[in-house]
Amino acid sequence: MSKIPVYFMPGLAASSSIFERVKLDEDVFEMFLLEWEIPKPKESLSDYALRISEKIKHANPVLIGVSFGGILVQEISKHIKTRKVIIISSVRSNVEFPRRMKIGKTTKAYKLIPMQLILNIEKLAKFSFGEKVNKRIKLYEKFLSVRDLGYLQWAVESVIRWDRNQIDENVVHIHGDQDEVFPIKYINKCIIVKGGTHIMILNKYKWLNENLPSIILEE
């Protein structure tokens, strides 16, 4: 029996090392880790998704994305046939954005974010993982690999301006009830992880290891 290919996409500015504690049965699944690439000038999210999709070498894979990576895998699934798309700590449409992000889109306030400041690791950690990041900054330094100014500006703009306003019911959404970046009150139908924050990929990995196999295999 051939194994099910499962591709993982990390969150904004993060490296695939955020998945190091996620383990799937190697007799059934084969795990592949995707990384962020520096976007080309004025590259659209759709074109970027197409470029990343070329790294996927298997037919009908499972795509799993965290946070902004969850948005990206939904865009990738427009370009390739997938077995399943699963998002973690993310959104299935811009309707689920918190109010500040909706206001940011209308006012273009995101253009005022001083990206140079965010390149400071502590600020980048808070920006990517949420305000409640504790002081274990060395840990986050390991996970935040993309410190490119152009990438950050592109990524923030791509999230805020994401134009999907209809939820794709086929996308499986796993979300923590303590997520401070995408609060649960704005989320429409998801698998809720009790106590899960925006960084639950790091600290709720036991829940994911126990539950992801059946979520993937569910018809």
Protein backbone atom coordinates (compact mmCIF):
# COMPACT_ATOMS: atom_id res chain seq x y z
CA MET A 1 0.00 0.00 0.00
CA SER A 2 1.47 3.40 -0.93
CA LYS A 3 1.80 5.93 1.86
CA ILE A 4 -0.29 9.10 2.02
CA PRO A 5 1.87 12.16 1.30
CA VAL A 6 1.28 14.95 3.84
CA TYR A 7 2.81 18.39 3.17
CA PHE A 8 3.17 20.91 6.01
CA MET A 9 3.40 24.70 5.57
CA PRO A 10 4.52 26.82 8.56
CA GLY A 11 3.09 30.18 9.69
CA LEU A 12 4.21 33.70 8.82
CA ALA A 13 8.03 34.02 8.89
CA ALA A 14 8.32 30.60 10.58
CA SER A 15 10.45 27.68 9.47
CA SER A 16 9.24 24.11 9.10
CA SER A 17 10.99 23.28 12.39
CA ILE A 18 7.69 24.24 14.09
CA PHE A 19 6.52 20.76 13.03
CA GLU A 20 9.41 18.88 14.65
CA ARG A 21 7.20 17.37 17.37
CA VAL A 22 4.42 16.35 15.00
CA LYS A 23 4.74 12.63 14.31
CA LEU A 24 2.55 10.54 12.02
CA ASP A 25 2.64 6.74 11.61
CA GLU A 26 5.40 6.17 9.05
CA ASP A 27 3.72 3.01 7.79
CA VAL A 28 0.70 5.05 6.67
CA PHE A 29 1.91 8.61 6.05
CA GLU A 30 4.94 10.30 4.56
CA MET A 31 5.67 13.80 5.89
CA PHE A 32 7.12 16.60 3.74
CA LEU A 33 7.99 20.06 5.03
CA LEU A 34 7.57 23.16 2.89
CA GLU A 35 9.44 26.44 3.51
CA TRP A 36 8.71 30.07 2.70
CA GLU A 37 10.52 31.53 -0.27
CA ILE A 38 11.21 35.21 -0.86
CA PRO A 39 8.37 36.55 -3.04
CA LYS A 40 9.15 38.13 -6.40
CA PRO A 41 8.44 41.86 -6.77
CA LYS A 42 4.68 42.49 -6.92
CA GLU A 43 3.99 38.71 -6.93
CA SER A 44 0.34 37.94 -6.18
CA LEU A 45 -0.57 35.41 -3.52
CA SER A 46 -2.05 33.19 -6.23
CA ASP A 47 1.17 33.27 -8.30
CA TYR A 48 3.22 32.62 -5.19
CA ALA A 49 0.99 29.65 -4.33
CA LEU A 50 1.52 28.28 -7.84
CA ARG A 51 5.29 28.59 -7.40
CA ILE A 52 5.23 26.78 -4.04
CA SER A 53 2.91 24.11 -5.50
CA GLU A 54 5.77 23.13 -7.84
CA LYS A 55 7.64 21.85 -4.75
CA ILE A 56 4.87 19.28 -4.22
CA LYS A 57 5.97 16.13 -6.01
CA HIS A 58 3.06 13.80 -5.21
CA ALA A 59 -0.35 13.45 -6.75
CA ASN A 60 -3.31 14.07 -4.45
CA PRO A 61 -1.43 15.10 -1.31
CA VAL A 62 -2.80 16.21 2.04
CA LEU A 63 -1.91 19.85 2.70
CA ILE A 64 -1.64 21.14 6.27
CA GLY A 65 -0.98 24.83 6.91
CA VAL A 66 -0.59 26.87 10.09
CA SER A 67 -1.79 30.49 10.36
CA PHE A 68 -0.71 32.32 7.16
CA GLY A 69 0.45 28.91 5.93
CA GLY A 70 -3.20 27.83 6.25
CA ILE A 71 -4.21 30.62 3.89
CA LEU A 72 -1.42 29.64 1.50
CA VAL A 73 -2.37 25.92 1.33
CA GLN A 74 -5.93 26.93 0.46
CA GLU A 75 -4.52 28.98 -2.42
CA ILE A 76 -2.24 26.09 -3.46
CA SER A 77 -5.28 23.79 -3.61
CA LYS A 78 -6.65 25.94 -6.44
CA HIS A 79 -3.67 24.87 -8.55
CA ILE A 80 -3.36 21.16 -7.72
CA LYS A 81 -5.69 18.29 -6.87
CA THR A 82 -5.57 17.46 -3.16
CA ARG A 83 -6.77 14.60 -1.02
CA LYS A 84 -7.51 16.97 1.87
CA VAL A 85 -6.68 20.50 3.06
CA ILE A 86 -6.32 21.04 6.82
CA ILE A 87 -5.66 24.41 8.43
CA ILE A 88 -4.50 25.00 12.01
CA SER A 89 -4.78 28.34 13.87
CA SER A 90 -5.89 30.02 10.65
CA VAL A 91 -9.04 31.17 8.78
CA ARG A 92 -11.09 29.81 5.89
CA SER A 93 -12.16 33.24 4.63
CA ASN A 94 -11.62 36.93 5.31
CA VAL A 95 -15.04 37.00 7.00
CA GLU A 96 -13.31 35.29 9.96
CA PHE A 97 -10.72 38.04 10.37
CA PRO A 98 -10.88 39.92 13.68
CA ARG A 99 -12.18 43.48 13.49
CA ARG A 100 -8.73 45.09 13.61
CA MET A 101 -7.68 43.22 10.47
CA LYS A 102 -10.86 44.23 8.63
CA ILE A 103 -10.28 47.85 9.65
CA GLY A 104 -6.64 47.51 8.57
CA LYS A 105 -7.74 46.47 5.11
CA THR A 106 -10.15 49.38 4.74
CA THR A 107 -7.77 52.02 6.08
CA LYS A 108 -4.60 50.42 4.65
CA ALA A 109 -3.16 50.84 8.16
CA TYR A 110 -1.01 47.74 7.58
CA LYS A 111 1.20 49.94 5.37
CA LEU A 112 2.14 51.89 8.49
CA ILE A 113 3.54 48.89 10.37
CA PRO A 114 7.28 49.62 10.79
CA MET A 115 8.62 46.36 9.34
CA GLN A 116 12.22 47.19 10.28
CA LEU A 117 11.16 47.09 13.94
CA ILE A 118 9.50 43.71 13.46
CA LEU A 119 12.83 42.26 12.35
CA ASN A 120 13.76 42.41 16.04
CA ILE A 121 13.23 38.77 17.09
CA GLU A 122 11.04 39.55 20.11
CA LYS A 123 8.72 41.76 18.07
CA LEU A 124 8.69 39.28 15.18
CA ALA A 125 7.74 36.51 17.62
CA LYS A 126 4.84 38.58 18.99
CA PHE A 127 3.79 39.53 15.48
CA SER A 128 3.85 35.96 14.15
CA PHE A 129 2.75 34.01 17.22
CA GLY A 130 0.60 36.52 19.13
CA GLU A 131 0.97 38.98 21.97
CA LYS A 132 1.13 36.31 24.67
CA VAL A 133 4.54 35.09 23.57
CA ASN A 134 6.48 34.44 26.75
CA LYS A 135 10.10 35.27 27.31
CA ARG A 136 11.49 32.08 25.79
CA ILE A 137 12.76 34.14 22.87
CA LYS A 138 15.63 31.75 22.12
CA LEU A 139 12.99 29.16 21.32
CA TYR A 140 11.22 31.48 18.88
CA GLU A 141 14.51 32.47 17.30
CA LYS A 142 14.84 28.86 16.24
CA PHE A 143 11.39 28.84 14.65
CA LEU A 144 11.42 32.23 12.92
CA SER A 145 13.67 31.79 9.91
CA VAL A 146 12.51 34.47 7.48
CA ARG A 147 13.88 37.88 8.43
CA ASP A 148 13.57 39.44 4.99
CA LEU A 149 11.92 42.87 4.91
CA GLY A 150 10.36 42.36 1.48
CA TYR A 151 8.88 39.02 2.55
CA LEU A 152 7.35 40.52 5.70
CA GLN A 153 5.76 43.42 3.84
CA TRP A 154 4.43 41.05 1.18
CA ALA A 155 3.14 38.52 3.76
CA VAL A 156 1.29 41.07 5.89
CA GLU A 157 -0.29 42.66 2.83
CA SER A 158 -1.22 39.23 1.40
CA VAL A 159 -3.01 38.25 4.61
CA ILE A 160 -4.88 41.53 5.04
CA ARG A 161 -5.91 41.70 1.37
CA TRP A 162 -6.84 38.02 1.04
CA ASP A 163 -9.94 38.10 -1.11
CA ARG A 164 -11.64 34.82 -0.22
CA ASN A 165 -15.02 35.73 1.28
CA GLN A 166 -16.69 32.31 1.04
CA ILE A 167 -15.75 29.44 3.31
CA ASP A 168 -14.74 26.24 1.53
CA GLU A 169 -16.60 23.60 3.55
CA ASN A 170 -14.14 20.93 2.36
CA VAL A 171 -11.29 22.59 4.23
CA VAL A 172 -10.86 21.06 7.70
CA HIS A 173 -10.22 23.74 10.32
CA ILE A 174 -8.51 22.99 13.68
CA HIS A 175 -8.49 25.95 16.07
CA GLY A 176 -7.63 26.70 19.69
CA ASP A 177 -10.24 28.32 21.91
CA GLN A 178 -7.52 30.64 23.30
CA ASP A 179 -6.17 31.84 19.94
CA GLU A 180 -5.35 35.54 20.35
CA VAL A 181 -4.51 36.27 16.69
CA PHE A 182 -7.70 34.80 15.22
CA PRO A 183 -10.14 34.76 18.19
CA ILE A 184 -12.51 31.79 18.24
CA LYS A 185 -15.57 34.08 18.38
CA TYR A 186 -15.00 35.01 14.73
CA ILE A 187 -14.43 31.42 13.56
CA ASN A 188 -17.17 29.53 11.76
CA LYS A 189 -17.35 25.78 12.48
CA CYS A 190 -14.06 24.17 13.41
CA ILE A 191 -12.55 21.36 15.45
CA ILE A 192 -11.86 23.09 18.77
CA VAL A 193 -8.73 22.36 20.79
CA LYS A 194 -9.31 23.28 24.44
CA GLY A 195 -6.62 25.63 25.75
CA GLY A 196 -5.07 25.93 22.30
CA THR A 197 -3.41 29.29 21.55
CA HIS A 198 -2.07 30.60 18.26
CA ILE A 199 1.12 28.58 18.85
CA MET A 200 -0.59 25.29 19.64
CA ILE A 201 1.45 23.64 16.86
CA LEU A 202 4.31 23.93 19.41
CA ASN A 203 2.55 23.07 22.66
CA LYS A 204 -0.50 21.00 21.70
CA TYR A 205 1.45 18.61 19.49
CA LYS A 206 0.28 15.61 21.56
CA TRP A 207 -3.34 16.43 20.67
CA LEU A 208 -2.35 16.75 17.02
CA ASN A 209 -0.37 13.49 17.04
CA GLU A 210 -3.37 11.69 18.51
CA ASN A 211 -6.01 13.25 16.26
CA LEU A 212 -4.44 14.16 12.92
CA PRO A 213 -4.34 10.58 11.57
CA SER A 214 -8.09 10.06 11.92
CA ILE A 215 -8.80 13.59 10.61
CA ILE A 216 -6.68 12.87 7.53
CA LEU A 217 -8.22 9.45 6.92
CA GLU A 218 -11.81 10.53 7.48
CA GLU A 219 -13.76 10.33 4.22
